[in-house]
């Protein structure tokens, strides 16, 4: 099962001199403005590919997307009678992108969602 980020929402501290205008909210996360455009494109591509993989995976049933107030956007499905959920956190997006770049997204998702030992 994919781990969710423990840093759910980046909150710039007052002592750093940063202010929230330096960030853009994407889902429940604050992303630095200079990275937000690229992150948004990357996030949408990963969401699309993960969704397609889950819908095509014969071991999964009832694929659905949703939103959690604390964890943010996710996709879930039934696997052997259990709900398996994959959160689209910045950490998970980054890990999925790294796997995608290595042409190993399917292996990554099998490990994260199905718990397969690869």
PDB file of N, CA and C in Angstrom:
ATOM      1  N   UNK A   1       0.851  -1.176   0.000  1.00  0.00           N
ATOM      2  CA  UNK A   1       0.000   0.000   0.000  1.00  0.00           C
ATOM      3  C   UNK A   1       0.892   1.233   0.000  1.00  0.00           C
ATOM      4  N   UNK A   2       0.575   2.156  -0.801  1.00  0.00           N
ATOM      5  CA  UNK A   2       1.368   3.375  -0.907  1.00  0.00           C
ATOM      6  C   UNK A   2       1.278   4.161   0.382  1.00  0.00           C
ATOM      7  N   UNK A   3       2.420   4.637   0.788  1.00  0.00           N
ATOM      8  CA  UNK A   3       2.450   5.418   2.016  1.00  0.00           C
ATOM      9  C   UNK A   3       2.060   6.850   1.709  1.00  0.00           C
ATOM     10  N   UNK A   4       1.351   7.426   2.632  1.00  0.00           N
ATOM     11  CA  UNK A   4       0.990   8.823   2.445  1.00  0.00           C
ATOM     12  C   UNK A   4       2.049   9.691   3.107  1.00  0.00           C
ATOM     13  N   UNK A   5       2.192  10.856   2.619  1.00  0.00           N
ATOM     14  CA  UNK A   5       3.160  11.790   3.155  1.00  0.00           C
ATOM     15  C   UNK A   5       2.745  12.233   4.547  1.00  0.00           C
ATOM     16  N   UNK A   6       3.692  12.275   5.464  1.00  0.00           N
ATOM     17  CA  UNK A   6       3.407  12.772   6.809  1.00  0.00           C
ATOM     18  C   UNK A   6       3.305  14.296   6.801  1.00  0.00           C
ATOM     19  N   UNK A   7       3.909  14.920   5.806  1.00  0.00           N
ATOM     20  CA  UNK A   7       3.818  16.372   5.672  1.00  0.00           C
ATOM     21  C   UNK A   7       2.651  16.671   4.753  1.00  0.00           C
ATOM     22  N   UNK A   8       1.476  16.740   5.344  1.00  0.00           N
ATOM     23  CA  UNK A   8       0.259  16.874   4.555  1.00  0.00           C
ATOM     24  C   UNK A   8       0.107  18.246   3.920  1.00  0.00           C
ATOM     25  N   UNK A   9       0.503  19.261   4.618  1.00  0.00           N
ATOM     26  CA  UNK A   9       0.310  20.612   4.114  1.00  0.00           C
ATOM     27  C   UNK A   9       1.510  21.432   4.545  1.00  0.00           C
ATOM     28  N   UNK A  10       2.222  21.938   3.578  1.00  0.00           N
ATOM     29  CA  UNK A  10       3.396  22.729   3.912  1.00  0.00           C
ATOM     30  C   UNK A  10       2.942  24.081   4.410  1.00  0.00           C
ATOM     31  N   UNK A  11       3.352  24.410   5.605  1.00  0.00           N
ATOM     32  CA  UNK A  11       2.995  25.698   6.202  1.00  0.00           C
ATOM     33  C   UNK A  11       4.276  26.488   6.442  1.00  0.00           C
ATOM     34  N   UNK A  12       4.529  27.476   5.641  1.00  0.00           N
ATOM     35  CA  UNK A  12       5.740  28.274   5.837  1.00  0.00           C
ATOM     36  C   UNK A  12       5.715  28.950   7.203  1.00  0.00           C
ATOM     37  N   UNK A  13       6.826  28.910   7.879  1.00  0.00           N
ATOM     38  CA  UNK A  13       6.868  29.516   9.202  1.00  0.00           C
ATOM     39  C   UNK A  13       7.078  31.018   9.077  1.00  0.00           C
ATOM     40  N   UNK A  14       6.587  31.727  10.058  1.00  0.00           N
ATOM     41  CA  UNK A  14       6.720  33.186  10.044  1.00  0.00           C
ATOM     42  C   UNK A  14       8.179  33.604  10.170  1.00  0.00           C
ATOM     43  N   UNK A  15       8.974  32.790  10.858  1.00  0.00           N
ATOM     44  CA  UNK A  15      10.366  33.161  11.084  1.00  0.00           C
ATOM     45  C   UNK A  15      11.220  33.051   9.820  1.00  0.00           C
ATOM     46  N   UNK A  16      10.770  32.315   8.806  1.00  0.00           N
ATOM     47  CA  UNK A  16      11.572  32.158   7.590  1.00  0.00           C
ATOM     48  C   UNK A  16      11.423  33.331   6.641  1.00  0.00           C
ATOM     49  N   UNK A  17      10.424  34.163   6.870  1.00  0.00           N
ATOM     50  CA  UNK A  17      10.197  35.272   5.971  1.00  0.00           C
ATOM     51  C   UNK A  17       9.365  34.874   4.770  1.00  0.00           C
ATOM     52  N   UNK A  18       9.030  33.577   4.646  1.00  0.00           N
ATOM     53  CA  UNK A  18       8.171  33.117   3.555  1.00  0.00           C
ATOM     54  C   UNK A  18       6.740  33.466   3.895  1.00  0.00           C
ATOM     55  N   UNK A  19       5.979  33.611   2.878  1.00  0.00           N
ATOM     56  CA  UNK A  19       4.565  33.811   3.115  1.00  0.00           C
ATOM     57  C   UNK A  19       3.804  32.961   2.122  1.00  0.00           C
ATOM     58  N   UNK A  20       2.569  32.687   2.417  1.00  0.00           N
ATOM     59  CA  UNK A  20       1.809  31.740   1.604  1.00  0.00           C
ATOM     60  C   UNK A  20       1.600  32.226   0.181  1.00  0.00           C
ATOM     61  N   UNK A  21       1.877  33.492  -0.105  1.00  0.00           N
ATOM     62  CA  UNK A  21       1.755  33.964  -1.483  1.00  0.00           C
ATOM     63  C   UNK A  21       2.865  33.388  -2.358  1.00  0.00           C
ATOM     64  N   UNK A  22       3.909  32.806  -1.735  1.00  0.00           N
ATOM     65  CA  UNK A  22       4.990  32.163  -2.476  1.00  0.00           C
ATOM     66  C   UNK A  22       4.619  30.745  -2.893  1.00  0.00           C
ATOM     67  N   UNK A  23       3.416  30.297  -2.512  1.00  0.00           N
ATOM     68  CA  UNK A  23       2.980  28.924  -2.739  1.00  0.00           C
ATOM     69  C   UNK A  23       1.645  28.896  -3.470  1.00  0.00           C
ATOM     70  N   UNK A  24       1.404  27.789  -4.132  1.00  0.00           N
ATOM     71  CA  UNK A  24       0.125  27.572  -4.796  1.00  0.00           C
ATOM     72  C   UNK A  24      -0.480  26.291  -4.235  1.00  0.00           C
ATOM     73  N   UNK A  25      -1.755  26.346  -3.901  1.00  0.00           N
ATOM     74  CA  UNK A  25      -2.426  25.163  -3.364  1.00  0.00           C
ATOM     75  C   UNK A  25      -2.819  24.255  -4.524  1.00  0.00           C
ATOM     76  N   UNK A  26      -2.350  23.016  -4.450  1.00  0.00           N
ATOM     77  CA  UNK A  26      -2.735  21.969  -5.392  1.00  0.00           C
ATOM     78  C   UNK A  26      -3.213  20.813  -4.537  1.00  0.00           C
ATOM     79  N   UNK A  27      -4.486  20.480  -4.672  1.00  0.00           N
ATOM     80  CA  UNK A  27      -5.139  19.513  -3.791  1.00  0.00           C
ATOM     81  C   UNK A  27      -5.052  20.102  -2.384  1.00  0.00           C
ATOM     82  N   UNK A  28      -4.507  19.383  -1.422  1.00  0.00           N
ATOM     83  CA  UNK A  28      -4.401  19.930  -0.067  1.00  0.00           C
ATOM     84  C   UNK A  28      -3.000  20.444   0.235  1.00  0.00           C
ATOM     85  N   UNK A  29      -2.128  20.412  -0.742  1.00  0.00           N
ATOM     86  CA  UNK A  29      -0.722  20.736  -0.531  1.00  0.00           C
ATOM     87  C   UNK A  29      -0.382  22.127  -1.043  1.00  0.00           C
ATOM     88  N   UNK A  30       0.563  22.772  -0.363  1.00  0.00           N
ATOM     89  CA  UNK A  30       1.102  24.045  -0.832  1.00  0.00           C
ATOM     90  C   UNK A  30       2.408  23.747  -1.550  1.00  0.00           C
ATOM     91  N   UNK A  31       2.453  24.092  -2.815  1.00  0.00           N
ATOM     92  CA  UNK A  31       3.612  23.830  -3.661  1.00  0.00           C
ATOM     93  C   UNK A  31       4.246  25.180  -3.996  1.00  0.00           C
ATOM     94  N   UNK A  32       5.586  25.281  -3.902  1.00  0.00           N
ATOM     95  CA  UNK A  32       6.224  26.549  -4.281  1.00  0.00           C
ATOM     96  C   UNK A  32       5.786  26.964  -5.689  1.00  0.00           C
ATOM     97  N   UNK A  33       5.446  28.238  -5.842  1.00  0.00           N
ATOM     98  CA  UNK A  33       4.916  28.730  -7.122  1.00  0.00           C
ATOM     99  C   UNK A  33       5.818  28.406  -8.305  1.00  0.00           C
ATOM    100  N   UNK A  34       7.133  28.494  -8.109  1.00  0.00           N
ATOM    101  CA  UNK A  34       8.032  28.235  -9.234  1.00  0.00           C
ATOM    102  C   UNK A  34       8.015  26.770  -9.672  1.00  0.00           C
ATOM    103  N   UNK A  35       7.494  25.869  -8.842  1.00  0.00           N
ATOM    104  CA  UNK A  35       7.407  24.445  -9.177  1.00  0.00           C
ATOM    105  C   UNK A  35       5.980  24.003  -9.488  1.00  0.00           C
ATOM    106  N   UNK A  36       5.011  24.838  -9.223  1.00  0.00           N
ATOM    107  CA  UNK A  36       3.600  24.438  -9.293  1.00  0.00           C
ATOM    108  C   UNK A  36       3.152  24.017 -10.690  1.00  0.00           C
ATOM    109  N   UNK A  37       3.553  24.741 -11.712  1.00  0.00           N
ATOM    110  CA  UNK A  37       3.125  24.398 -13.073  1.00  0.00           C
ATOM    111  C   UNK A  37       3.603  23.020 -13.490  1.00  0.00           C
ATOM    112  N   UNK A  38       4.889  22.763 -13.303  1.00  0.00           N
ATOM    113  CA  UNK A  38       5.453  21.460 -13.645  1.00  0.00           C
ATOM    114  C   UNK A  38       4.844  20.364 -12.776  1.00  0.00           C
ATOM    115  N   UNK A  39       4.685  20.641 -11.481  1.00  0.00           N
ATOM    116  CA  UNK A  39       4.099  19.648 -10.578  1.00  0.00           C
ATOM    117  C   UNK A  39       2.677  19.292 -11.019  1.00  0.00           C
ATOM    118  N   UNK A  40       1.894  20.283 -11.407  1.00  0.00           N
ATOM    119  CA  UNK A  40       0.510  20.039 -11.826  1.00  0.00           C
ATOM    120  C   UNK A  40       0.464  19.113 -13.050  1.00  0.00           C
ATOM    121  N   UNK A  41       1.316  19.369 -14.034  1.00  0.00           N
ATOM    122  CA  UNK A  41       1.374  18.537 -15.239  1.00  0.00           C
ATOM    123  C   UNK A  41       1.798  17.114 -14.878  1.00  0.00           C
ATOM    124  N   UNK A  42       2.833  17.002 -14.075  1.00  0.00           N
ATOM    125  CA  UNK A  42       3.324  15.696 -13.645  1.00  0.00           C
ATOM    126  C   UNK A  42       2.256  14.937 -12.868  1.00  0.00           C
ATOM    127  N   UNK A  43       1.595  15.625 -11.957  1.00  0.00           N
ATOM    128  CA  UNK A  43       0.550  15.011 -11.129  1.00  0.00           C
ATOM    129  C   UNK A  43      -0.582  14.466 -11.997  1.00  0.00           C
ATOM    130  N   UNK A  44      -1.046  15.254 -12.947  1.00  0.00           N
ATOM    131  CA  UNK A  44      -2.139  14.809 -13.822  1.00  0.00           C
ATOM    132  C   UNK A  44      -1.731  13.596 -14.652  1.00  0.00           C
ATOM    133  N   UNK A  45      -0.494  13.582 -15.149  1.00  0.00           N
ATOM    134  CA  UNK A  45      -0.018  12.436 -15.932  1.00  0.00           C
ATOM    135  C   UNK A  45       0.040  11.175 -15.071  1.00  0.00           C
ATOM    136  N   UNK A  46       0.541  11.304 -13.852  1.00  0.00           N
ATOM    137  CA  UNK A  46       0.621  10.148 -12.950  1.00  0.00           C
ATOM    138  C   UNK A  46      -0.778   9.674 -12.574  1.00  0.00           C
ATOM    139  N   UNK A  47      -1.679  10.590 -12.259  1.00  0.00           N
ATOM    140  CA  UNK A  47      -3.057  10.208 -11.921  1.00  0.00           C
ATOM    141  C   UNK A  47      -3.681   9.427 -13.069  1.00  0.00           C
ATOM    142  N   UNK A  48      -3.503   9.907 -14.288  1.00  0.00           N
ATOM    143  CA  UNK A  48      -4.075   9.229 -15.448  1.00  0.00           C
ATOM    144  C   UNK A  48      -3.501   7.818 -15.595  1.00  0.00           C
ATOM    145  N   UNK A  49      -2.185   7.684 -15.481  1.00  0.00           N
ATOM    146  CA  UNK A  49      -1.566   6.371 -15.664  1.00  0.00           C
ATOM    147  C   UNK A  49      -1.912   5.405 -14.537  1.00  0.00           C
ATOM    148  N   UNK A  50      -1.957   5.883 -13.302  1.00  0.00           N
ATOM    149  CA  UNK A  50      -2.329   5.014 -12.181  1.00  0.00           C
ATOM    150  C   UNK A  50      -3.778   4.568 -12.337  1.00  0.00           C
ATOM    151  N   UNK A  51      -4.650   5.483 -12.719  1.00  0.00           N
ATOM    152  CA  UNK A  51      -6.063   5.150 -12.924  1.00  0.00           C
ATOM    153  C   UNK A  51      -6.211   4.096 -14.016  1.00  0.00           C
ATOM    154  N   UNK A  52      -5.532   4.288 -15.131  1.00  0.00           N
ATOM    155  CA  UNK A  52      -5.596   3.309 -16.224  1.00  0.00           C
ATOM    156  C   UNK A  52      -5.083   1.948 -15.769  1.00  0.00           C
ATOM    157  N   UNK A  53      -3.980   1.930 -15.032  1.00  0.00           N
ATOM    158  CA  UNK A  53      -3.414   0.668 -14.555  1.00  0.00           C
ATOM    159  C   UNK A  53      -4.400  -0.054 -13.640  1.00  0.00           C
ATOM    160  N   UNK A  54      -4.985   0.698 -12.708  1.00  0.00           N
ATOM    161  CA  UNK A  54      -5.923   0.074 -11.766  1.00  0.00           C
ATOM    162  C   UNK A  54      -7.165  -0.454 -12.482  1.00  0.00           C
ATOM    163  N   UNK A  55      -7.664   0.278 -13.461  1.00  0.00           N
ATOM    164  CA  UNK A  55      -8.854  -0.163 -14.192  1.00  0.00           C
ATOM    165  C   UNK A  55      -8.569  -1.402 -15.039  1.00  0.00           C
ATOM    166  N   UNK A  56      -7.326  -1.572 -15.474  1.00  0.00           N
ATOM    167  CA  UNK A  56      -6.965  -2.723 -16.301  1.00  0.00           C
ATOM    168  C   UNK A  56      -6.483  -3.919 -15.485  1.00  0.00           C
ATOM    169  N   UNK A  57      -6.126  -3.708 -14.229  1.00  0.00           N
ATOM    170  CA  UNK A  57      -5.609  -4.786 -13.382  1.00  0.00           C
ATOM    171  C   UNK A  57      -6.747  -5.741 -13.034  1.00  0.00           C
ATOM    172  N   UNK A  58      -6.647  -6.977 -13.498  1.00  0.00           N
ATOM    173  CA  UNK A  58      -7.743  -7.945 -13.337  1.00  0.00           C
ATOM    174  C   UNK A  58      -8.008  -8.323 -11.880  1.00  0.00           C
ATOM    175  N   UNK A  59      -7.029  -8.151 -11.002  1.00  0.00           N
ATOM    176  CA  UNK A  59      -7.210  -8.512  -9.594  1.00  0.00           C
ATOM    177  C   UNK A  59      -7.953  -7.438  -8.795  1.00  0.00           C
ATOM    178  N   UNK A  60      -8.186  -6.286  -9.399  1.00  0.00           N
ATOM    179  CA  UNK A  60      -8.834  -5.178  -8.702  1.00  0.00           C
ATOM    180  C   UNK A  60     -10.268  -5.010  -9.175  1.00  0.00           C
ATOM    181  N   UNK A  61     -11.138  -4.637  -8.256  1.00  0.00           N
ATOM    182  CA  UNK A  61     -12.548  -4.406  -8.584  1.00  0.00           C
ATOM    183  C   UNK A  61     -12.997  -3.086  -7.973  1.00  0.00           C
ATOM    184  N   UNK A  62     -14.035  -2.522  -8.519  1.00  0.00           N
ATOM    185  CA  UNK A  62     -14.663  -1.299  -8.003  1.00  0.00           C
ATOM    186  C   UNK A  62     -13.661  -0.155  -7.821  1.00  0.00           C
ATOM    187  N   UNK A  63     -12.984   0.187  -8.886  1.00  0.00           N
ATOM    188  CA  UNK A  63     -12.013   1.284  -8.856  1.00  0.00           C
ATOM    189  C   UNK A  63     -12.768   2.603  -8.748  1.00  0.00           C
ATOM    190  N   UNK A  64     -12.389   3.408  -7.762  1.00  0.00           N
ATOM    191  CA  UNK A  64     -13.042   4.703  -7.521  1.00  0.00           C
ATOM    192  C   UNK A  64     -12.005   5.732  -7.105  1.00  0.00           C
ATOM    193  N   UNK A  65     -12.294   6.987  -7.378  1.00  0.00           N
ATOM    194  CA  UNK A  65     -11.457   8.074  -6.878  1.00  0.00           C
ATOM    195  C   UNK A  65     -12.197   8.769  -5.745  1.00  0.00           C
ATOM    196  N   UNK A  66     -11.442   9.487  -4.938  1.00  0.00           N
ATOM    197  CA  UNK A  66     -12.060  10.200  -3.830  1.00  0.00           C
ATOM    198  C   UNK A  66     -11.139  11.263  -3.277  1.00  0.00           C
ATOM    199  N   UNK A  67     -11.606  11.901  -2.238  1.00  0.00           N
ATOM    200  CA  UNK A  67     -10.873  12.986  -1.593  1.00  0.00           C
ATOM    201  C   UNK A  67     -10.963  12.801  -0.088  1.00  0.00           C
ATOM    202  N   UNK A  68      -9.831  12.836   0.578  1.00  0.00           N
ATOM    203  CA  UNK A  68      -9.760  12.741   2.025  1.00  0.00           C
ATOM    204  C   UNK A  68      -9.325  14.108   2.552  1.00  0.00           C
ATOM    205  N   UNK A  69      -9.961  14.575   3.608  1.00  0.00           N
ATOM    206  CA  UNK A  69      -9.643  15.910   4.131  1.00  0.00           C
ATOM    207  C   UNK A  69      -8.205  16.025   4.614  1.00  0.00           C
ATOM    208  N   UNK A  70      -7.643  14.929   5.095  1.00  0.00           N
ATOM    209  CA  UNK A  70      -6.288  14.960   5.647  1.00  0.00           C
ATOM    210  C   UNK A  70      -5.246  14.518   4.630  1.00  0.00           C
ATOM    211  N   UNK A  71      -5.529  13.459   3.888  1.00  0.00           N
ATOM    212  CA  UNK A  71      -4.558  12.867   2.970  1.00  0.00           C
ATOM    213  C   UNK A  71      -4.646  13.404   1.545  1.00  0.00           C
ATOM    214  N   UNK A  72      -5.770  13.993   1.172  1.00  0.00           N
ATOM    215  CA  UNK A  72      -5.929  14.516  -0.179  1.00  0.00           C
ATOM    216  C   UNK A  72      -6.548  13.511  -1.134  1.00  0.00           C
ATOM    217  N   UNK A  73      -6.332  13.737  -2.423  1.00  0.00           N
ATOM    218  CA  UNK A  73      -6.932  12.906  -3.472  1.00  0.00           C
ATOM    219  C   UNK A  73      -6.343  11.502  -3.444  1.00  0.00           C
ATOM    220  N   UNK A  74      -7.196  10.528  -3.808  1.00  0.00           N
ATOM    221  CA  UNK A  74      -6.746   9.141  -3.846  1.00  0.00           C
ATOM    222  C   UNK A  74      -7.541   8.367  -4.885  1.00  0.00           C
ATOM    223  N   UNK A  75      -7.052   7.167  -5.162  1.00  0.00           N
ATOM    224  CA  UNK A  75      -7.790   6.194  -5.952  1.00  0.00           C
ATOM    225  C   UNK A  75      -7.799   4.916  -5.128  1.00  0.00           C
ATOM    226  N   UNK A  76      -8.909   4.205  -5.162  1.00  0.00           N
ATOM    227  CA  UNK A  76      -8.994   2.981  -4.381  1.00  0.00           C
ATOM    228  C   UNK A  76      -9.696   1.898  -5.182  1.00  0.00           C
ATOM    229  N   UNK A  77      -9.474   0.661  -4.757  1.00  0.00           N
ATOM    230  CA  UNK A  77     -10.113  -0.488  -5.390  1.00  0.00           C
ATOM    231  C   UNK A  77     -10.155  -1.626  -4.384  1.00  0.00           C
ATOM    232  N   UNK A  78     -11.004  -2.603  -4.665  1.00  0.00           N
ATOM    233  CA  UNK A  78     -11.053  -3.807  -3.848  1.00  0.00           C
ATOM    234  C   UNK A  78     -10.035  -4.810  -4.370  1.00  0.00           C
ATOM    235  N   UNK A  79      -9.294  -5.411  -3.447  1.00  0.00           N
ATOM    236  CA  UNK A  79      -8.320  -6.445  -3.771  1.00  0.00           C
ATOM    237  C   UNK A  79      -8.443  -7.522  -2.708  1.00  0.00           C
ATOM    238  N   UNK A  80      -8.865  -8.709  -3.114  1.00  0.00           N
ATOM    239  CA  UNK A  80      -9.084  -9.814  -2.172  1.00  0.00           C
ATOM    240  C   UNK A  80      -9.973  -9.394  -1.004  1.00  0.00           C
ATOM    241  N   UNK A  81     -11.010  -8.642  -1.288  1.00  0.00           N
ATOM    242  CA  UNK A  81     -11.962  -8.226  -0.265  1.00  0.00           C
ATOM    243  C   UNK A  81     -11.521  -7.059   0.597  1.00  0.00           C
ATOM    244  N   UNK A  82     -10.351  -6.505   0.344  1.00  0.00           N
ATOM    245  CA  UNK A  82      -9.840  -5.367   1.112  1.00  0.00           C
ATOM    246  C   UNK A  82      -9.770  -4.131   0.222  1.00  0.00           C
ATOM    247  N   UNK A  83     -10.036  -2.983   0.817  1.00  0.00           N
ATOM    248  CA  UNK A  83      -9.890  -1.725   0.084  1.00  0.00           C
ATOM    249  C   UNK A  83      -8.412  -1.358   0.071  1.00  0.00           C
ATOM    250  N   UNK A  84      -7.884  -1.127  -1.123  1.00  0.00           N
ATOM    251  CA  UNK A  84      -6.509  -0.662  -1.291  1.00  0.00           C
ATOM    252  C   UNK A  84      -6.573   0.745  -1.841  1.00  0.00           C
ATOM    253  N   UNK A  85      -5.885   1.649  -1.182  1.00  0.00           N
ATOM    254  CA  UNK A  85      -5.953   3.061  -1.542  1.00  0.00           C
ATOM    255  C   UNK A  85      -4.554   3.584  -1.866  1.00  0.00           C
ATOM    256  N   UNK A  86      -4.472   4.394  -2.912  1.00  0.00           N
ATOM    257  CA  UNK A  86      -3.224   5.033  -3.310  1.00  0.00           C
ATOM    258  C   UNK A  86      -3.466   6.535  -3.300  1.00  0.00           C
ATOM    259  N   UNK A  87      -2.728   7.239  -2.438  1.00  0.00           N
ATOM    260  CA  UNK A  87      -2.876   8.690  -2.316  1.00  0.00           C
ATOM    261  C   UNK A  87      -1.970   9.400  -3.313  1.00  0.00           C
ATOM    262  N   UNK A  88      -2.470  10.484  -3.866  1.00  0.00           N
ATOM    263  CA  UNK A  88      -1.705  11.288  -4.811  1.00  0.00           C
ATOM    264  C   UNK A  88      -0.990  12.422  -4.084  1.00  0.00           C
ATOM    265  N   UNK A  89      -0.186  12.060  -3.094  1.00  0.00           N
ATOM    266  CA  UNK A  89       0.616  13.028  -2.344  1.00  0.00           C
ATOM    267  C   UNK A  89       1.852  13.393  -3.163  1.00  0.00           C
ATOM    268  N   UNK A  90       2.499  14.502  -2.858  1.00  0.00           N
ATOM    269  CA  UNK A  90       3.723  14.842  -3.586  1.00  0.00           C
ATOM    270  C   UNK A  90       4.779  13.727  -3.525  1.00  0.00           C
ATOM    271  N   UNK A  91       4.900  13.062  -2.388  1.00  0.00           N
ATOM    272  CA  UNK A  91       5.862  11.966  -2.258  1.00  0.00           C
ATOM    273  C   UNK A  91       5.511  10.821  -3.193  1.00  0.00           C
ATOM    274  N   UNK A  92       4.252  10.412  -3.202  1.00  0.00           N
ATOM    275  CA  UNK A  92       3.835   9.312  -4.072  1.00  0.00           C
ATOM    276  C   UNK A  92       3.927   9.693  -5.546  1.00  0.00           C
ATOM    277  N   UNK A  93       3.605  10.936  -5.872  1.00  0.00           N
ATOM    278  CA  UNK A  93       3.731  11.402  -7.259  1.00  0.00           C
ATOM    279  C   UNK A  93       5.192  11.303  -7.693  1.00  0.00           C
ATOM    280  N   UNK A  94       6.104  11.734  -6.841  1.00  0.00           N
ATOM    281  CA  UNK A  94       7.528  11.682  -7.153  1.00  0.00           C
ATOM    282  C   UNK A  94       8.000  10.243  -7.344  1.00  0.00           C
ATOM    283  N   UNK A  95       7.595   9.353  -6.447  1.00  0.00           N
ATOM    284  CA  UNK A  95       8.003   7.950  -6.560  1.00  0.00           C
ATOM    285  C   UNK A  95       7.437   7.308  -7.824  1.00  0.00           C
ATOM    286  N   UNK A  96       6.184   7.596  -8.126  1.00  0.00           N
ATOM    287  CA  UNK A  96       5.573   7.046  -9.339  1.00  0.00           C
ATOM    288  C   UNK A  96       6.281   7.581 -10.581  1.00  0.00           C
ATOM    289  N   UNK A  97       6.649   8.855 -10.572  1.00  0.00           N
ATOM    290  CA  UNK A  97       7.350   9.438 -11.716  1.00  0.00           C
ATOM    291  C   UNK A  97       8.714   8.789 -11.912  1.00  0.00           C
ATOM    292  N   UNK A  98       9.422   8.545 -10.816  1.00  0.00           N
ATOM    293  CA  UNK A  98      10.728   7.881 -10.925  1.00  0.00           C
ATOM    294  C   UNK A  98      10.564   6.490 -11.534  1.00  0.00           C
ATOM    295  N   UNK A  99       9.558   5.751 -11.084  1.00  0.00           N
ATOM    296  CA  UNK A  99       9.290   4.414 -11.632  1.00  0.00           C
ATOM    297  C   UNK A  99       8.894   4.516 -13.105  1.00  0.00           C
ATOM    298  N   UNK A 100       8.094   5.501 -13.418  1.00  0.00           N
ATOM    299  CA  UNK A 100       7.643   5.729 -14.798  1.00  0.00           C
ATOM    300  C   UNK A 100       8.831   6.024 -15.713  1.00  0.00           C
ATOM    301  N   UNK A 101       9.754   6.856 -15.242  1.00  0.00           N
ATOM    302  CA  UNK A 101      10.945   7.185 -16.025  1.00  0.00           C
ATOM    303  C   UNK A 101      11.800   5.954 -16.318  1.00  0.00           C
ATOM    304  N   UNK A 102      11.769   4.972 -15.416  1.00  0.00           N
ATOM    305  CA  UNK A 102      12.531   3.728 -15.583  1.00  0.00           C
ATOM    306  C   UNK A 102      11.704   2.650 -16.280  1.00  0.00           C
ATOM    307  N   UNK A 103      10.517   3.013 -16.747  1.00  0.00           N
ATOM    308  CA  UNK A 103       9.587   2.066 -17.378  1.00  0.00           C
ATOM    309  C   UNK A 103       9.227   0.936 -16.419  1.00  0.00           C
ATOM    310  N   UNK A 104       9.068   1.286 -15.121  1.00  0.00           N
ATOM    311  CA  UNK A 104       8.748   0.302 -14.099  1.00  0.00           C
ATOM    312  C   UNK A 104       7.514   0.700 -13.295  1.00  0.00           C
ATOM    313  N   UNK A 105       6.634   1.480 -13.897  1.00  0.00           N
ATOM    314  CA  UNK A 105       5.456   1.933 -13.166  1.00  0.00           C
ATOM    315  C   UNK A 105       4.579   0.759 -12.745  1.00  0.00           C
ATOM    316  N   UNK A 106       4.386  -0.213 -13.615  1.00  0.00           N
ATOM    317  CA  UNK A 106       3.558  -1.372 -13.260  1.00  0.00           C
ATOM    318  C   UNK A 106       4.135  -2.117 -12.064  1.00  0.00           C
ATOM    319  N   UNK A 107       5.448  -2.326 -12.062  1.00  0.00           N
ATOM    320  CA  UNK A 107       6.086  -3.009 -10.927  1.00  0.00           C
ATOM    321  C   UNK A 107       5.920  -2.208  -9.642  1.00  0.00           C
ATOM    322  N   UNK A 108       6.109  -0.908  -9.735  1.00  0.00           N
ATOM    323  CA  UNK A 108       5.942  -0.029  -8.577  1.00  0.00           C
ATOM    324  C   UNK A 108       4.519  -0.121  -8.032  1.00  0.00           C
ATOM    325  N   UNK A 109       3.530  -0.052  -8.919  1.00  0.00           N
ATOM    326  CA  UNK A 109       2.134  -0.093  -8.479  1.00  0.00           C
ATOM    327  C   UNK A 109       1.759  -1.460  -7.922  1.00  0.00           C
ATOM    328  N   UNK A 110       2.279  -2.521  -8.504  1.00  0.00           N
ATOM    329  CA  UNK A 110       2.032  -3.854  -7.947  1.00  0.00           C
ATOM    330  C   UNK A 110       2.539  -3.929  -6.517  1.00  0.00           C
ATOM    331  N   UNK A 111       3.723  -3.398  -6.294  1.00  0.00           N
ATOM    332  CA  UNK A 111       4.312  -3.417  -4.954  1.00  0.00           C
ATOM    333  C   UNK A 111       3.525  -2.523  -3.991  1.00  0.00           C
ATOM    334  N   UNK A 112       3.192  -1.319  -4.425  1.00  0.00           N
ATOM    335  CA  UNK A 112       2.534  -0.358  -3.545  1.00  0.00           C
ATOM    336  C   UNK A 112       1.062  -0.669  -3.296  1.00  0.00           C
ATOM    337  N   UNK A 113       0.363  -1.118  -4.308  1.00  0.00           N
ATOM    338  CA  UNK A 113      -1.082  -1.310  -4.183  1.00  0.00           C
ATOM    339  C   UNK A 113      -1.436  -2.758  -3.870  1.00  0.00           C
ATOM    340  N   UNK A 114      -0.798  -3.688  -4.561  1.00  0.00           N
ATOM    341  CA  UNK A 114      -1.124  -5.096  -4.355  1.00  0.00           C
ATOM    342  C   UNK A 114      -0.251  -5.743  -3.288  1.00  0.00           C
ATOM    343  N   UNK A 115       0.851  -5.086  -2.949  1.00  0.00           N
ATOM    344  CA  UNK A 115       1.748  -5.652  -1.950  1.00  0.00           C
ATOM    345  C   UNK A 115       2.606  -6.776  -2.502  1.00  0.00           C
ATOM    346  N   UNK A 116       2.762  -6.821  -3.827  1.00  0.00           N
ATOM    347  CA  UNK A 116       3.554  -7.876  -4.460  1.00  0.00           C
ATOM    348  C   UNK A 116       5.026  -7.695  -4.123  1.00  0.00           C
ATOM    349  N   UNK A 117       5.691  -8.791  -3.857  1.00  0.00           N
ATOM    350  CA  UNK A 117       7.133  -8.757  -3.579  1.00  0.00           C
ATOM    351  C   UNK A 117       7.887  -8.860  -4.887  1.00  0.00           C
ATOM    352  N   UNK A 118       8.398  -7.725  -5.336  1.00  0.00           N
ATOM    353  CA  UNK A 118       9.150  -7.722  -6.596  1.00  0.00           C
ATOM    354  C   UNK A 118      10.561  -7.286  -6.349  1.00  0.00           C
TER     355      UNK A 118
END
